[in-house]
PDB file of all heavy atoms in Angstrom:
ATOM      1  N   LEU A   1       0.452   1.226  -4.538  1.00  0.00           N
ATOM      2  CA  LEU A   1       0.925   0.379  -3.447  1.00  0.00           C
ATOM      3  C   LEU A   1      -0.137   0.227  -2.369  1.00  0.00           C
ATOM      4  O   LEU A   1      -0.744   1.209  -1.936  1.00  0.00           O
ATOM      5  CB  LEU A   1       2.189   0.976  -2.831  1.00  0.00           C
ATOM      6  CG  LEU A   1       3.392   1.124  -3.773  1.00  0.00           C
ATOM      7  CD1 LEU A   1       4.480   1.957  -3.102  1.00  0.00           C
ATOM      8  CD2 LEU A   1       3.932  -0.243  -4.171  1.00  0.00           C
ATOM      9  N   THR A   2      -0.341  -0.997  -1.919  1.00  0.00           N
ATOM     10  CA  THR A   2      -1.229  -1.238  -0.785  1.00  0.00           C
ATOM     11  C   THR A   2      -0.480  -0.956   0.515  1.00  0.00           C
ATOM     12  O   THR A   2       0.753  -0.818   0.538  1.00  0.00           O
ATOM     13  CB  THR A   2      -1.710  -2.694  -0.768  1.00  0.00           C
ATOM     14  OG1 THR A   2      -0.570  -3.550  -0.538  1.00  0.00           O
ATOM     15  CG2 THR A   2      -2.378  -3.070  -2.091  1.00  0.00           C
ATOM     16  N   THR A   3      -1.215  -0.874   1.598  1.00  0.00           N
ATOM     17  CA  THR A   3      -0.608  -0.684   2.913  1.00  0.00           C
ATOM     18  C   THR A   3       0.439  -1.757   3.190  1.00  0.00           C
ATOM     19  O   THR A   3       1.539  -1.476   3.661  1.00  0.00           O
ATOM     20  CB  THR A   3      -1.705  -0.727   3.998  1.00  0.00           C
ATOM     21  OG1 THR A   3      -2.592   0.363   3.787  1.00  0.00           O
ATOM     22  CG2 THR A   3      -1.104  -0.628   5.390  1.00  0.00           C
ATOM     23  N   ARG A   4       0.103  -3.001   2.880  1.00  0.00           N
ATOM     24  CA  ARG A   4       1.012  -4.117   3.150  1.00  0.00           C
ATOM     25  C   ARG A   4       2.278  -4.041   2.309  1.00  0.00           C
ATOM     26  O   ARG A   4       3.356  -4.453   2.736  1.00  0.00           O
ATOM     27  CB  ARG A   4       0.289  -5.443   2.892  1.00  0.00           C
ATOM     28  CG  ARG A   4       1.040  -6.681   3.365  1.00  0.00           C
ATOM     29  CD  ARG A   4       0.212  -7.931   3.128  1.00  0.00           C
ATOM     30  NE  ARG A   4      -1.053  -7.897   3.837  1.00  0.00           N
ATOM     31  CZ  ARG A   4      -1.222  -8.260   5.109  1.00  0.00           C
ATOM     32  NH1 ARG A   4      -0.185  -8.696   5.797  1.00  0.00           N
ATOM     33  NH2 ARG A   4      -2.404  -8.184   5.675  1.00  0.00           N
ATOM     34  N   GLN A   5       2.175  -3.480   1.118  1.00  0.00           N
ATOM     35  CA  GLN A   5       3.332  -3.390   0.232  1.00  0.00           C
ATOM     36  C   GLN A   5       4.310  -2.289   0.627  1.00  0.00           C
ATOM     37  O   GLN A   5       5.452  -2.295   0.183  1.00  0.00           O
ATOM     38  CB  GLN A   5       2.865  -3.167  -1.213  1.00  0.00           C
ATOM     39  CG  GLN A   5       2.187  -4.370  -1.846  1.00  0.00           C
ATOM     40  CD  GLN A   5       1.591  -4.045  -3.205  1.00  0.00           C
ATOM     41  OE1 GLN A   5       0.959  -3.005  -3.397  1.00  0.00           O
ATOM     42  NE2 GLN A   5       1.794  -4.928  -4.159  1.00  0.00           N
ATOM     43  N   LYS A   6       3.879  -1.346   1.466  1.00  0.00           N
ATOM     44  CA  LYS A   6       4.714  -0.191   1.787  1.00  0.00           C
ATOM     45  C   LYS A   6       5.527  -0.350   3.069  1.00  0.00           C
ATOM     46  O   LYS A   6       6.630   0.169   3.174  1.00  0.00           O
ATOM     47  CB  LYS A   6       3.839   1.071   1.898  1.00  0.00           C
ATOM     48  CG  LYS A   6       3.285   1.549   0.573  1.00  0.00           C
ATOM     49  CD  LYS A   6       2.292   2.677   0.768  1.00  0.00           C
ATOM     50  CE  LYS A   6       2.966   3.921   1.303  1.00  0.00           C
ATOM     51  NZ  LYS A   6       2.000   5.033   1.459  1.00  0.00           N
ATOM     52  N   HIS A   7       4.970  -1.030   4.073  1.00  0.00           N
ATOM     53  CA  HIS A   7       5.641  -1.076   5.375  1.00  0.00           C
ATOM     54  C   HIS A   7       5.551  -2.460   6.002  1.00  0.00           C
ATOM     55  O   HIS A   7       4.576  -3.189   5.814  1.00  0.00           O
ATOM     56  CB  HIS A   7       5.011  -0.074   6.354  1.00  0.00           C
ATOM     57  CG  HIS A   7       5.193   1.351   5.972  1.00  0.00           C
ATOM     58  ND1 HIS A   7       4.248   2.070   5.264  1.00  0.00           N
ATOM     59  CD2 HIS A   7       6.232   2.208   6.184  1.00  0.00           C
ATOM     60  CE1 HIS A   7       4.691   3.296   5.065  1.00  0.00           C
ATOM     61  NE2 HIS A   7       5.887   3.402   5.610  1.00  0.00           N
ATOM     62  N   ILE A   8       6.585  -2.776   6.795  1.00  0.00           N
ATOM     63  CA  ILE A   8       6.609  -3.966   7.646  1.00  0.00           C
ATOM     64  C   ILE A   8       6.539  -3.503   9.101  1.00  0.00           C
ATOM     65  O   ILE A   8       7.093  -2.454   9.460  1.00  0.00           O
ATOM     66  CB  ILE A   8       7.904  -4.774   7.424  1.00  0.00           C
ATOM     67  CG1 ILE A   8       7.947  -5.350   6.006  1.00  0.00           C
ATOM     68  CG2 ILE A   8       8.057  -5.889   8.457  1.00  0.00           C
ATOM     69  CD1 ILE A   8       9.303  -5.919   5.631  1.00  0.00           C
ATOM     70  N   ARG A   9       5.868  -4.270   9.927  1.00  0.00           N
ATOM     71  CA  ARG A   9       5.854  -4.030  11.370  1.00  0.00           C
ATOM     72  C   ARG A   9       6.720  -5.096  12.052  1.00  0.00           C
ATOM     73  O   ARG A   9       6.473  -6.294  11.887  1.00  0.00           O
ATOM     74  CB  ARG A   9       4.426  -4.116  11.934  1.00  0.00           C
ATOM     75  CG  ARG A   9       3.429  -3.157  11.293  1.00  0.00           C
ATOM     76  CD  ARG A   9       3.593  -1.762  11.800  1.00  0.00           C
ATOM     77  NE  ARG A   9       2.536  -0.867  11.338  1.00  0.00           N
ATOM     78  CZ  ARG A   9       2.528   0.437  11.525  1.00  0.00           C
ATOM     79  NH1 ARG A   9       3.525   1.013  12.189  1.00  0.00           N
ATOM     80  NH2 ARG A   9       1.539   1.191  11.086  1.00  0.00           N
ATOM     81  N   GLU A  10       7.726  -4.666  12.797  1.00  0.00           N
ATOM     82  CA  GLU A  10       8.582  -5.605  13.516  1.00  0.00           C
ATOM     83  C   GLU A  10       8.459  -5.354  15.015  1.00  0.00           C
ATOM     84  O   GLU A  10       8.686  -4.229  15.486  1.00  0.00           O
ATOM     85  CB  GLU A  10      10.036  -5.485  13.069  1.00  0.00           C
ATOM     86  CG  GLU A  10      10.933  -6.567  13.669  1.00  0.00           C
ATOM     87  CD  GLU A  10      12.316  -6.605  13.048  1.00  0.00           C
ATOM     88  OE1 GLU A  10      12.724  -5.591  12.429  1.00  0.00           O
ATOM     89  OE2 GLU A  10      12.995  -7.641  13.162  1.00  0.00           O
ATOM     90  N   CYS A  11       8.106  -6.410  15.754  1.00  0.00           N
ATOM     91  CA  CYS A  11       7.805  -6.272  17.180  1.00  0.00           C
ATOM     92  C   CYS A  11       8.803  -7.064  18.031  1.00  0.00           C
ATOM     93  O   CYS A  11       9.121  -8.217  17.706  1.00  0.00           O
ATOM     94  CB  CYS A  11       6.391  -6.789  17.475  1.00  0.00           C
ATOM     95  SG  CYS A  11       5.104  -6.120  16.402  1.00  0.00           S
ATOM     96  N   PHE A  12       9.266  -6.439  19.101  1.00  0.00           N
ATOM     97  CA  PHE A  12      10.133  -7.101  20.072  1.00  0.00           C
ATOM     98  C   PHE A  12       9.375  -7.128  21.397  1.00  0.00           C
ATOM     99  O   PHE A  12       9.086  -6.076  21.983  1.00  0.00           O
ATOM    100  CB  PHE A  12      11.460  -6.355  20.198  1.00  0.00           C
ATOM    101  CG  PHE A  12      12.289  -6.415  18.941  1.00  0.00           C
ATOM    102  CD1 PHE A  12      12.087  -5.513  17.904  1.00  0.00           C
ATOM    103  CD2 PHE A  12      13.245  -7.411  18.779  1.00  0.00           C
ATOM    104  CE1 PHE A  12      12.833  -5.582  16.743  1.00  0.00           C
ATOM    105  CE2 PHE A  12      14.002  -7.490  17.614  1.00  0.00           C
ATOM    106  CZ  PHE A  12      13.787  -6.576  16.590  1.00  0.00           C
ATOM    107  N   VAL A  13       9.041  -8.336  21.833  1.00  0.00           N
ATOM    108  CA  VAL A  13       8.087  -8.514  22.927  1.00  0.00           C
ATOM    109  C   VAL A  13       8.735  -9.244  24.098  1.00  0.00           C
ATOM    110  O   VAL A  13       9.368 -10.291  23.906  1.00  0.00           O
ATOM    111  CB  VAL A  13       6.848  -9.304  22.452  1.00  0.00           C
ATOM    112  CG1 VAL A  13       5.839  -9.468  23.591  1.00  0.00           C
ATOM    113  CG2 VAL A  13       6.200  -8.604  21.254  1.00  0.00           C
ATOM    114  N   VAL A  14       8.543  -8.689  25.304  1.00  0.00           N
ATOM    115  CA  VAL A  14       8.962  -9.365  26.537  1.00  0.00           C
ATOM    116  C   VAL A  14       7.717 -10.008  27.145  1.00  0.00           C
ATOM    117  O   VAL A  14       6.815  -9.301  27.611  1.00  0.00           O
ATOM    118  CB  VAL A  14       9.579  -8.376  27.538  1.00  0.00           C
ATOM    119  CG1 VAL A  14       9.974  -9.108  28.826  1.00  0.00           C
ATOM    120  CG2 VAL A  14      10.778  -7.670  26.928  1.00  0.00           C
ATOM    121  N   PRO A  15       7.621 -11.344  27.116  1.00  0.00           N
ATOM    122  CA  PRO A  15       6.424 -11.994  27.668  1.00  0.00           C
ATOM    123  C   PRO A  15       6.517 -12.138  29.187  1.00  0.00           C
ATOM    124  O   PRO A  15       7.613 -12.208  29.757  1.00  0.00           O
ATOM    125  CB  PRO A  15       6.445 -13.365  26.994  1.00  0.00           C
ATOM    126  CG  PRO A  15       7.901 -13.645  26.768  1.00  0.00           C
ATOM    127  CD  PRO A  15       8.559 -12.306  26.505  1.00  0.00           C
ATOM    128  N   GLU A  16       5.368 -12.156  29.807  1.00  0.00           N
ATOM    129  CA  GLU A  16       5.328 -12.481  31.228  1.00  0.00           C
ATOM    130  C   GLU A  16       5.647 -13.968  31.408  1.00  0.00           C
ATOM    131  O   GLU A  16       5.480 -14.772  30.481  1.00  0.00           O
ATOM    132  CB  GLU A  16       3.941 -12.165  31.803  1.00  0.00           C
ATOM    133  CG  GLU A  16       3.613 -10.676  31.798  1.00  0.00           C
ATOM    134  CD  GLU A  16       2.201 -10.397  32.287  1.00  0.00           C
ATOM    135  OE1 GLU A  16       1.429 -11.388  32.454  1.00  0.00           O
ATOM    136  OE2 GLU A  16       1.874  -9.220  32.484  1.00  0.00           O
ATOM    137  N   GLU A  17       6.115 -14.322  32.585  1.00  0.00           N
ATOM    138  CA  GLU A  17       6.476 -15.716  32.848  1.00  0.00           C
ATOM    139  C   GLU A  17       5.257 -16.610  32.671  1.00  0.00           C
ATOM    140  O   GLU A  17       4.179 -16.337  33.206  1.00  0.00           O
ATOM    141  CB  GLU A  17       7.037 -15.863  34.274  1.00  0.00           C
ATOM    142  CG  GLU A  17       7.610 -17.235  34.566  1.00  0.00           C
ATOM    143  CD  GLU A  17       8.285 -17.314  35.926  1.00  0.00           C
ATOM    144  OE1 GLU A  17       8.476 -16.251  36.551  1.00  0.00           O
ATOM    145  OE2 GLU A  17       8.617 -18.445  36.342  1.00  0.00           O
ATOM    146  N   GLY A  18       5.422 -17.674  31.882  1.00  0.00           N
ATOM    147  CA  GLY A  18       4.336 -18.621  31.666  1.00  0.00           C
ATOM    148  C   GLY A  18       3.300 -18.180  30.653  1.00  0.00           C
ATOM    149  O   GLY A  18       2.289 -18.865  30.459  1.00  0.00           O
ATOM    150  N   ALA A  19       3.519 -17.059  29.973  1.00  0.00           N
ATOM    151  CA  ALA A  19       2.544 -16.545  29.013  1.00  0.00           C
ATOM    152  C   ALA A  19       2.462 -17.439  27.778  1.00  0.00           C
ATOM    153  O   ALA A  19       3.427 -18.127  27.413  1.00  0.00           O
ATOM    154  CB  ALA A  19       2.913 -15.125  28.601  1.00  0.00           C
ATOM    155  N   ASP A  20       1.307 -17.431  27.142  1.00  0.00           N
ATOM    156  CA  ASP A  20       1.079 -18.197  25.917  1.00  0.00           C
ATOM    157  C   ASP A  20       1.632 -17.400  24.730  1.00  0.00           C
ATOM    158  O   ASP A  20       1.003 -16.456  24.249  1.00  0.00           O
ATOM    159  CB  ASP A  20      -0.431 -18.438  25.746  1.00  0.00           C
ATOM    160  CG  ASP A  20      -0.744 -19.357  24.564  1.00  0.00           C
ATOM    161  OD1 ASP A  20       0.070 -19.416  23.622  1.00  0.00           O
ATOM    162  OD2 ASP A  20      -1.823 -19.974  24.575  1.00  0.00           O
ATOM    163  N   LEU A  21       2.816 -17.773  24.264  1.00  0.00           N
ATOM    164  CA  LEU A  21       3.484 -17.010  23.214  1.00  0.00           C
ATOM    165  C   LEU A  21       2.707 -17.034  21.903  1.00  0.00           C
ATOM    166  O   LEU A  21       2.639 -16.027  21.197  1.00  0.00           O
ATOM    167  CB  LEU A  21       4.901 -17.545  22.992  1.00  0.00           C
ATOM    168  CG  LEU A  21       5.829 -17.574  24.215  1.00  0.00           C
ATOM    169  CD1 LEU A  21       7.253 -17.914  23.770  1.00  0.00           C
ATOM    170  CD2 LEU A  21       5.813 -16.245  24.963  1.00  0.00           C
ATOM    171  N   ALA A  22       2.129 -18.175  21.572  1.00  0.00           N
ATOM    172  CA  ALA A  22       1.368 -18.285  20.325  1.00  0.00           C
ATOM    173  C   ALA A  22       0.150 -17.357  20.361  1.00  0.00           C
ATOM    174  O   ALA A  22      -0.188 -16.706  19.361  1.00  0.00           O
ATOM    175  CB  ALA A  22       0.933 -19.726  20.093  1.00  0.00           C
ATOM    176  N   ALA A  23      -0.500 -17.271  21.518  1.00  0.00           N
ATOM    177  CA  ALA A  23      -1.672 -16.410  21.645  1.00  0.00           C
ATOM    178  C   ALA A  23      -1.279 -14.934  21.534  1.00  0.00           C
ATOM    179  O   ALA A  23      -2.008 -14.124  20.929  1.00  0.00           O
ATOM    180  CB  ALA A  23      -2.371 -16.674  22.976  1.00  0.00           C
ATOM    181  N   ILE A  24      -0.132 -14.574  22.112  1.00  0.00           N
ATOM    182  CA  ILE A  24       0.339 -13.190  22.026  1.00  0.00           C
ATOM    183  C   ILE A  24       0.630 -12.830  20.571  1.00  0.00           C
ATOM    184  O   ILE A  24       0.213 -11.778  20.080  1.00  0.00           O
ATOM    185  CB  ILE A  24       1.603 -12.990  22.893  1.00  0.00           C
ATOM    186  CG1 ILE A  24       1.257 -13.103  24.380  1.00  0.00           C
ATOM    187  CG2 ILE A  24       2.249 -11.627  22.584  1.00  0.00           C
ATOM    188  CD1 ILE A  24       2.471 -13.089  25.292  1.00  0.00           C
TER     189      ILE A  24
END
């Protein structure tokens, strides 16, 4: 198994007002 095949990373992010979400 590769690293990618073993685990998923799930992120919950609070952006600052007006932040570029795509860039984050």
